[in-house]
């Protein structure tokens, strides 16, 4: 990526450290990696709108 890494405040970092300690922090570098991690998490299925719309059709 051409962008510098994100910087977070101490309060956000404390959440990330807690998630990491519990094995629930999943770093990702691309949208595809994010979706792969999300698919592995417990919880409800993917939102219905994700299947009804193509993101390329949405206004920016």
PDB file of N, CA and C in Angstrom:
ATOM      1  N   UNK A   1       0.832  -1.186   0.000  1.00  0.00           N
ATOM      2  CA  UNK A   1       0.000   0.000   0.000  1.00  0.00           C
ATOM      3  C   UNK A   1       0.876   1.248   0.000  1.00  0.00           C
ATOM      4  N   UNK A   2       0.327   2.304  -0.539  1.00  0.00           N
ATOM      5  CA  UNK A   2       1.064   3.566  -0.580  1.00  0.00           C
ATOM      6  C   UNK A   2       0.777   4.441   0.630  1.00  0.00           C
ATOM      7  N   UNK A   3      -0.098   4.000   1.502  1.00  0.00           N
ATOM      8  CA  UNK A   3      -0.475   4.796   2.660  1.00  0.00           C
ATOM      9  C   UNK A   3       0.335   4.371   3.886  1.00  0.00           C
ATOM     10  N   UNK A   4       0.634   5.324   4.780  1.00  0.00           N
ATOM     11  CA  UNK A   4       1.323   4.944   6.016  1.00  0.00           C
ATOM     12  C   UNK A   4       0.368   4.147   6.911  1.00  0.00           C
ATOM     13  N   UNK A   5       0.895   3.367   7.835  1.00  0.00           N
ATOM     14  CA  UNK A   5       0.007   2.616   8.728  1.00  0.00           C
ATOM     15  C   UNK A   5      -0.834   3.567   9.581  1.00  0.00           C
ATOM     16  N   UNK A   6      -1.995   3.104   9.958  1.00  0.00           N
ATOM     17  CA  UNK A   6      -2.890   3.918  10.782  1.00  0.00           C
ATOM     18  C   UNK A   6      -2.287   4.117  12.164  1.00  0.00           C
ATOM     19  N   UNK A   7      -2.580   5.241  12.772  1.00  0.00           N
ATOM     20  CA  UNK A   7      -2.158   5.475  14.150  1.00  0.00           C
ATOM     21  C   UNK A   7      -3.419   5.565  15.007  1.00  0.00           C
ATOM     22  N   UNK A   8      -3.321   5.047  16.224  1.00  0.00           N
ATOM     23  CA  UNK A   8      -4.480   4.992  17.110  1.00  0.00           C
ATOM     24  C   UNK A   8      -4.144   5.623  18.446  1.00  0.00           C
ATOM     25  N   UNK A   9      -5.162   6.109  19.128  1.00  0.00           N
ATOM     26  CA  UNK A   9      -4.975   6.698  20.448  1.00  0.00           C
ATOM     27  C   UNK A   9      -4.743   5.591  21.471  1.00  0.00           C
ATOM     28  N   UNK A  10      -4.303   5.954  22.645  1.00  0.00           N
ATOM     29  CA  UNK A  10      -4.027   4.964  23.693  1.00  0.00           C
ATOM     30  C   UNK A  10      -5.281   4.194  24.066  1.00  0.00           C
ATOM     31  N   UNK A  11      -6.442   4.860  23.993  1.00  0.00           N
ATOM     32  CA  UNK A  11      -7.673   4.148  24.372  1.00  0.00           C
ATOM     33  C   UNK A  11      -8.024   3.070  23.345  1.00  0.00           C
ATOM     34  N   UNK A  12      -7.794   3.343  22.067  1.00  0.00           N
ATOM     35  CA  UNK A  12      -8.040   2.325  21.045  1.00  0.00           C
ATOM     36  C   UNK A  12      -7.026   1.197  21.160  1.00  0.00           C
ATOM     37  N   UNK A  13      -5.769   1.550  21.413  1.00  0.00           N
ATOM     38  CA  UNK A  13      -4.727   0.530  21.528  1.00  0.00           C
ATOM     39  C   UNK A  13      -5.009  -0.432  22.676  1.00  0.00           C
ATOM     40  N   UNK A  14      -5.597   0.072  23.760  1.00  0.00           N
ATOM     41  CA  UNK A  14      -5.908  -0.820  24.885  1.00  0.00           C
ATOM     42  C   UNK A  14      -6.951  -1.861  24.480  1.00  0.00           C
ATOM     43  N   UNK A  15      -7.919  -1.472  23.654  1.00  0.00           N
ATOM     44  CA  UNK A  15      -8.888  -2.454  23.154  1.00  0.00           C
ATOM     45  C   UNK A  15      -8.199  -3.492  22.275  1.00  0.00           C
ATOM     46  N   UNK A  16      -7.323  -3.018  21.373  1.00  0.00           N
ATOM     47  CA  UNK A  16      -6.622  -3.949  20.487  1.00  0.00           C
ATOM     48  C   UNK A  16      -5.758  -4.918  21.284  1.00  0.00           C
ATOM     49  N   UNK A  17      -5.092  -4.430  22.319  1.00  0.00           N
ATOM     50  CA  UNK A  17      -4.261  -5.313  23.152  1.00  0.00           C
ATOM     51  C   UNK A  17      -5.121  -6.357  23.860  1.00  0.00           C
ATOM     52  N   UNK A  18      -6.284  -5.948  24.340  1.00  0.00           N
ATOM     53  CA  UNK A  18      -7.182  -6.890  25.011  1.00  0.00           C
ATOM     54  C   UNK A  18      -7.676  -7.944  24.019  1.00  0.00           C
ATOM     55  N   UNK A  19      -8.076  -7.521  22.839  1.00  0.00           N
ATOM     56  CA  UNK A  19      -8.520  -8.484  21.818  1.00  0.00           C
ATOM     57  C   UNK A  19      -7.391  -9.441  21.461  1.00  0.00           C
ATOM     58  N   UNK A  20      -6.168  -8.915  21.328  1.00  0.00           N
ATOM     59  CA  UNK A  20      -5.026  -9.752  20.981  1.00  0.00           C
ATOM     60  C   UNK A  20      -4.758 -10.773  22.078  1.00  0.00           C
ATOM     61  N   UNK A  21      -4.835 -10.360  23.333  1.00  0.00           N
ATOM     62  CA  UNK A  21      -4.598 -11.272  24.462  1.00  0.00           C
ATOM     63  C   UNK A  21      -5.635 -12.396  24.497  1.00  0.00           C
ATOM     64  N   UNK A  22      -6.847 -12.112  24.010  1.00  0.00           N
ATOM     65  CA  UNK A  22      -7.904 -13.122  23.991  1.00  0.00           C
ATOM     66  C   UNK A  22      -7.940 -13.889  22.670  1.00  0.00           C
ATOM     67  N   UNK A  23      -6.965 -13.617  21.789  1.00  0.00           N
ATOM     68  CA  UNK A  23      -6.932 -14.300  20.498  1.00  0.00           C
ATOM     69  C   UNK A  23      -8.017 -13.831  19.551  1.00  0.00           C
ATOM     70  N   UNK A  24      -8.472 -12.585  19.726  1.00  0.00           N
ATOM     71  CA  UNK A  24      -9.561 -12.063  18.902  1.00  0.00           C
ATOM     72  C   UNK A  24      -9.159 -10.849  18.073  1.00  0.00           C
ATOM     73  N   UNK A  25      -7.866 -10.642  17.873  1.00  0.00           N
ATOM     74  CA  UNK A  25      -7.390  -9.529  17.053  1.00  0.00           C
ATOM     75  C   UNK A  25      -6.897 -10.106  15.735  1.00  0.00           C
ATOM     76  N   UNK A  26      -7.505  -9.678  14.644  1.00  0.00           N
ATOM     77  CA  UNK A  26      -7.193 -10.228  13.332  1.00  0.00           C
ATOM     78  C   UNK A  26      -6.716  -9.120  12.402  1.00  0.00           C
ATOM     79  N   UNK A  27      -5.402  -8.993  12.206  1.00  0.00           N
ATOM     80  CA  UNK A  27      -4.922  -7.973  11.271  1.00  0.00           C
ATOM     81  C   UNK A  27      -5.249  -8.354   9.833  1.00  0.00           C
ATOM     82  N   UNK A  28      -5.452  -7.364   8.995  1.00  0.00           N
ATOM     83  CA  UNK A  28      -5.748  -7.599   7.577  1.00  0.00           C
ATOM     84  C   UNK A  28      -5.176  -6.464   6.750  1.00  0.00           C
ATOM     85  N   UNK A  29      -4.797  -6.791   5.511  1.00  0.00           N
ATOM     86  CA  UNK A  29      -4.196  -5.808   4.623  1.00  0.00           C
ATOM     87  C   UNK A  29      -5.027  -5.534   3.380  1.00  0.00           C
ATOM     88  N   UNK A  30      -6.020  -6.362   3.122  1.00  0.00           N
ATOM     89  CA  UNK A  30      -6.863  -6.154   1.947  1.00  0.00           C
ATOM     90  C   UNK A  30      -8.313  -6.446   2.329  1.00  0.00           C
ATOM     91  N   UNK A  31      -9.212  -5.982   1.517  1.00  0.00           N
ATOM     92  CA  UNK A  31     -10.630  -6.224   1.773  1.00  0.00           C
ATOM     93  C   UNK A  31     -10.934  -7.721   1.739  1.00  0.00           C
ATOM     94  N   UNK A  32     -10.284  -8.452   0.854  1.00  0.00           N
ATOM     95  CA  UNK A  32     -10.494  -9.905   0.766  1.00  0.00           C
ATOM     96  C   UNK A  32     -10.065 -10.591   2.067  1.00  0.00           C
ATOM     97  N   UNK A  33      -8.926 -10.170   2.648  1.00  0.00           N
ATOM     98  CA  UNK A  33      -8.480 -10.740   3.921  1.00  0.00           C
ATOM     99  C   UNK A  33      -9.471 -10.418   5.044  1.00  0.00           C
ATOM    100  N   UNK A  34      -9.991  -9.201   5.028  1.00  0.00           N
ATOM    101  CA  UNK A  34     -10.977  -8.821   6.047  1.00  0.00           C
ATOM    102  C   UNK A  34     -12.188  -9.737   5.977  1.00  0.00           C
ATOM    103  N   UNK A  35     -12.727  -9.952   4.776  1.00  0.00           N
ATOM    104  CA  UNK A  35     -13.889 -10.823   4.620  1.00  0.00           C
ATOM    105  C   UNK A  35     -13.566 -12.256   5.037  1.00  0.00           C
ATOM    106  N   UNK A  36     -12.355 -12.729   4.765  1.00  0.00           N
ATOM    107  CA  UNK A  36     -11.965 -14.074   5.195  1.00  0.00           C
ATOM    108  C   UNK A  36     -12.004 -14.195   6.709  1.00  0.00           C
ATOM    109  N   UNK A  37     -11.479 -13.178   7.410  1.00  0.00           N
ATOM    110  CA  UNK A  37     -11.485 -13.214   8.874  1.00  0.00           C
ATOM    111  C   UNK A  37     -12.904 -13.117   9.422  1.00  0.00           C
ATOM    112  N   UNK A  38     -13.707 -12.251   8.847  1.00  0.00           N
ATOM    113  CA  UNK A  38     -15.080 -12.061   9.321  1.00  0.00           C
ATOM    114  C   UNK A  38     -15.894 -13.344   9.140  1.00  0.00           C
ATOM    115  N   UNK A  39     -15.668 -14.037   8.036  1.00  0.00           N
ATOM    116  CA  UNK A  39     -16.399 -15.285   7.790  1.00  0.00           C
ATOM    117  C   UNK A  39     -16.093 -16.341   8.839  1.00  0.00           C
ATOM    118  N   UNK A  40     -14.914 -16.265   9.477  1.00  0.00           N
ATOM    119  CA  UNK A  40     -14.523 -17.253  10.483  1.00  0.00           C
ATOM    120  C   UNK A  40     -15.040 -16.924  11.881  1.00  0.00           C
ATOM    121  N   UNK A  41     -15.564 -15.719  12.086  1.00  0.00           N
ATOM    122  CA  UNK A  41     -16.024 -15.313  13.417  1.00  0.00           C
ATOM    123  C   UNK A  41     -17.419 -15.861  13.705  1.00  0.00           C
ATOM    124  N   UNK A  42     -17.670 -16.194  14.970  1.00  0.00           N
ATOM    125  CA  UNK A  42     -19.025 -16.632  15.313  1.00  0.00           C
ATOM    126  C   UNK A  42     -19.981 -15.450  15.270  1.00  0.00           C
ATOM    127  N   UNK A  43     -21.236 -15.744  15.031  1.00  0.00           N
ATOM    128  CA  UNK A  43     -22.241 -14.689  15.022  1.00  0.00           C
ATOM    129  C   UNK A  43     -23.225 -14.896  13.889  1.00  0.00           C
ATOM    130  N   UNK A  44     -24.076 -13.899  13.683  1.00  0.00           N
ATOM    131  CA  UNK A  44     -25.083 -14.025  12.626  1.00  0.00           C
ATOM    132  C   UNK A  44     -24.423 -14.052  11.250  1.00  0.00           C
ATOM    133  N   UNK A  45     -25.168 -14.486  10.266  1.00  0.00           N
ATOM    134  CA  UNK A  45     -24.657 -14.550   8.893  1.00  0.00           C
ATOM    135  C   UNK A  45     -24.405 -13.179   8.317  1.00  0.00           C
ATOM    136  N   UNK A  46     -23.943 -13.147   7.089  1.00  0.00           N
ATOM    137  CA  UNK A  46     -23.644 -11.897   6.410  1.00  0.00           C
ATOM    138  C   UNK A  46     -24.932 -11.107   6.199  1.00  0.00           C
ATOM    139  N   UNK A  47     -24.846  -9.764   6.223  1.00  0.00           N
ATOM    140  CA  UNK A  47     -26.038  -8.953   6.021  1.00  0.00           C
ATOM    141  C   UNK A  47     -26.643  -9.184   4.637  1.00  0.00           C
ATOM    142  N   UNK A  48     -27.957  -9.099   4.598  1.00  0.00           N
ATOM    143  CA  UNK A  48     -28.682  -9.364   3.360  1.00  0.00           C
ATOM    144  C   UNK A  48     -28.298  -8.397   2.242  1.00  0.00           C
ATOM    145  N   UNK A  49     -28.039  -7.120   2.599  1.00  0.00           N
ATOM    146  CA  UNK A  49     -27.712  -6.130   1.572  1.00  0.00           C
ATOM    147  C   UNK A  49     -26.427  -6.484   0.841  1.00  0.00           C
ATOM    148  N   UNK A  50     -25.548  -7.251   1.486  1.00  0.00           N
ATOM    149  CA  UNK A  50     -24.299  -7.622   0.843  1.00  0.00           C
ATOM    150  C   UNK A  50     -24.539  -8.501  -0.378  1.00  0.00           C
ATOM    151  N   UNK A  51     -25.625  -9.231  -0.363  1.00  0.00           N
ATOM    152  CA  UNK A  51     -25.932 -10.135  -1.461  1.00  0.00           C
ATOM    153  C   UNK A  51     -26.861  -9.484  -2.491  1.00  0.00           C
ATOM    154  N   UNK A  52     -27.547  -8.418  -2.088  1.00  0.00           N
ATOM    155  CA  UNK A  52     -28.514  -7.778  -2.972  1.00  0.00           C
ATOM    156  C   UNK A  52     -27.905  -6.705  -3.856  1.00  0.00           C
ATOM    157  N   UNK A  53     -26.786  -6.100  -3.425  1.00  0.00           N
ATOM    158  CA  UNK A  53     -26.217  -4.971  -4.146  1.00  0.00           C
ATOM    159  C   UNK A  53     -24.762  -5.233  -4.494  1.00  0.00           C
ATOM    160  N   UNK A  54     -24.358  -4.692  -5.605  1.00  0.00           N
ATOM    161  CA  UNK A  54     -22.956  -4.722  -5.994  1.00  0.00           C
ATOM    162  C   UNK A  54     -22.338  -3.419  -5.514  1.00  0.00           C
ATOM    163  N   UNK A  55     -21.264  -3.464  -4.695  1.00  0.00           N
ATOM    164  CA  UNK A  55     -20.662  -2.226  -4.188  1.00  0.00           C
ATOM    165  C   UNK A  55     -20.285  -1.239  -5.301  1.00  0.00           C
ATOM    166  N   UNK A  56     -19.997  -1.741  -6.475  1.00  0.00           N
ATOM    167  CA  UNK A  56     -19.635  -0.845  -7.580  1.00  0.00           C
ATOM    168  C   UNK A  56     -20.826   0.012  -8.015  1.00  0.00           C
ATOM    169  N   UNK A  57     -22.041  -0.416  -7.699  1.00  0.00           N
ATOM    170  CA  UNK A  57     -23.243   0.342  -8.074  1.00  0.00           C
ATOM    171  C   UNK A  57     -23.563   1.462  -7.084  1.00  0.00           C
ATOM    172  N   UNK A  58     -22.952   1.463  -5.908  1.00  0.00           N
ATOM    173  CA  UNK A  58     -23.258   2.463  -4.891  1.00  0.00           C
ATOM    174  C   UNK A  58     -22.536   3.774  -5.175  1.00  0.00           C
ATOM    175  N   UNK A  59     -23.187   4.904  -4.896  1.00  0.00           N
ATOM    176  CA  UNK A  59     -22.525   6.203  -5.115  1.00  0.00           C
ATOM    177  C   UNK A  59     -21.387   6.380  -4.125  1.00  0.00           C
ATOM    178  N   UNK A  60     -20.400   7.117  -4.534  1.00  0.00           N
ATOM    179  CA  UNK A  60     -19.263   7.366  -3.647  1.00  0.00           C
ATOM    180  C   UNK A  60     -19.415   8.645  -2.892  1.00  0.00           C
TER     181      UNK A  60
END
